């Protein structure tokens, strides 16, 4: 009868030894939730309108394009879709340029712009294919959204819209369900870590109400039955050059740099009725993190965190110093391979722990084998 208590005791010990030492506590879980685990950032910027009088929509997109590039996202991770080339329009008094201000101080078009989809390439089908990565094998990699489960994606749309739809080139429409289902496919295919969805159009908030996939933060410029208004016109150009919602977004982002600690809630604070002349909306119920702890650069900047190994002496140090740490003469050198030999000694108490630095997995295995050996001895003695 003594066997049962002993076995129970041994099993409890085995459970403690085999237990995963990396179990996340409640405090650790809260810390993880407040941090983004992404390793790369992407941006998808789309202007869906054609024709000269929609100048401001192209200016909206190019303004955000300039901002995300300034904050560190490279062109290789930006998908730019422009349905019309306003810069080359015959009505443009300043050929080859696009401005978003009244004094033409900043040319948004410039020489360094890289447009991935232009003109009639900007379609609902291509936008959905871009999100879900459903392309023919010969589709250029530069025109694909090559994201993974570690990617944070900023998606910005602007154009003319209505209740749960956005027009593409006045020829077709994309519905809120279309985007919601595309995001779900992205989630199932592990194509994102988090998405920040922003849309500037009339009745914009209706475009994100059908989302149901996790880790999506969404903002819109106006609610149901509200218009999205332009901010100002340029009399020399003859049309409005930027929308109000995008204007105040840019006004805030101009104060943000690559190393900024500004958080999303501060950006959302500028979306007031006095500024935008409509009621912008923010949807956070699908987003697991507190927006007051989400950095602007988690989406609009590039990942800058680098973990460097703590190495006292690297290969260059060993090649230029002798065993005593003295610098070698310029014409003196020694083979680097001579330092590849592993030496183990117990000349001092400080070095005596070297052989005992075992991995946690090996320690658990050793403990398990030891207990099994003791149990076998005990059972043998019991039977004898």
Foldseek 3Di string as FASTA:
>chain_A
DVVVVVVVVLVVVLCVQPDDPPDADPVNVQVPLLDAQAAWAAEEFEEQEDDQQVQASVLLRLLLVVLLVQQAHDLLRYAAAEQYDNLCDPLFPRHNFADQDQVPPDTSRDDPDDHLHYHPSPDPVLVLCQLLVDDDPPDDSSNHNQAFLRYEYEYEYEAEDAQQWHHGHVPDIDGLVSVQVSVVSCVVRRRYNAYEYEYEYFQFVNSPPPHDAARYKYKYLAHHPGGFAADDCHVVSPHGHHTQLSVLLSVVSVVDHNPDQAFPVVSVVSSDCVRGVHHMDIDCPRRSHDRRSHGPCSHSHTDDDDDDDPDPADLVQPFQADPVSDGDDPPDTDDSVVVVDDDQDPPDPVRVCVVVPDDSVVVSVVVVVVSVVVVVVVVVVVVD
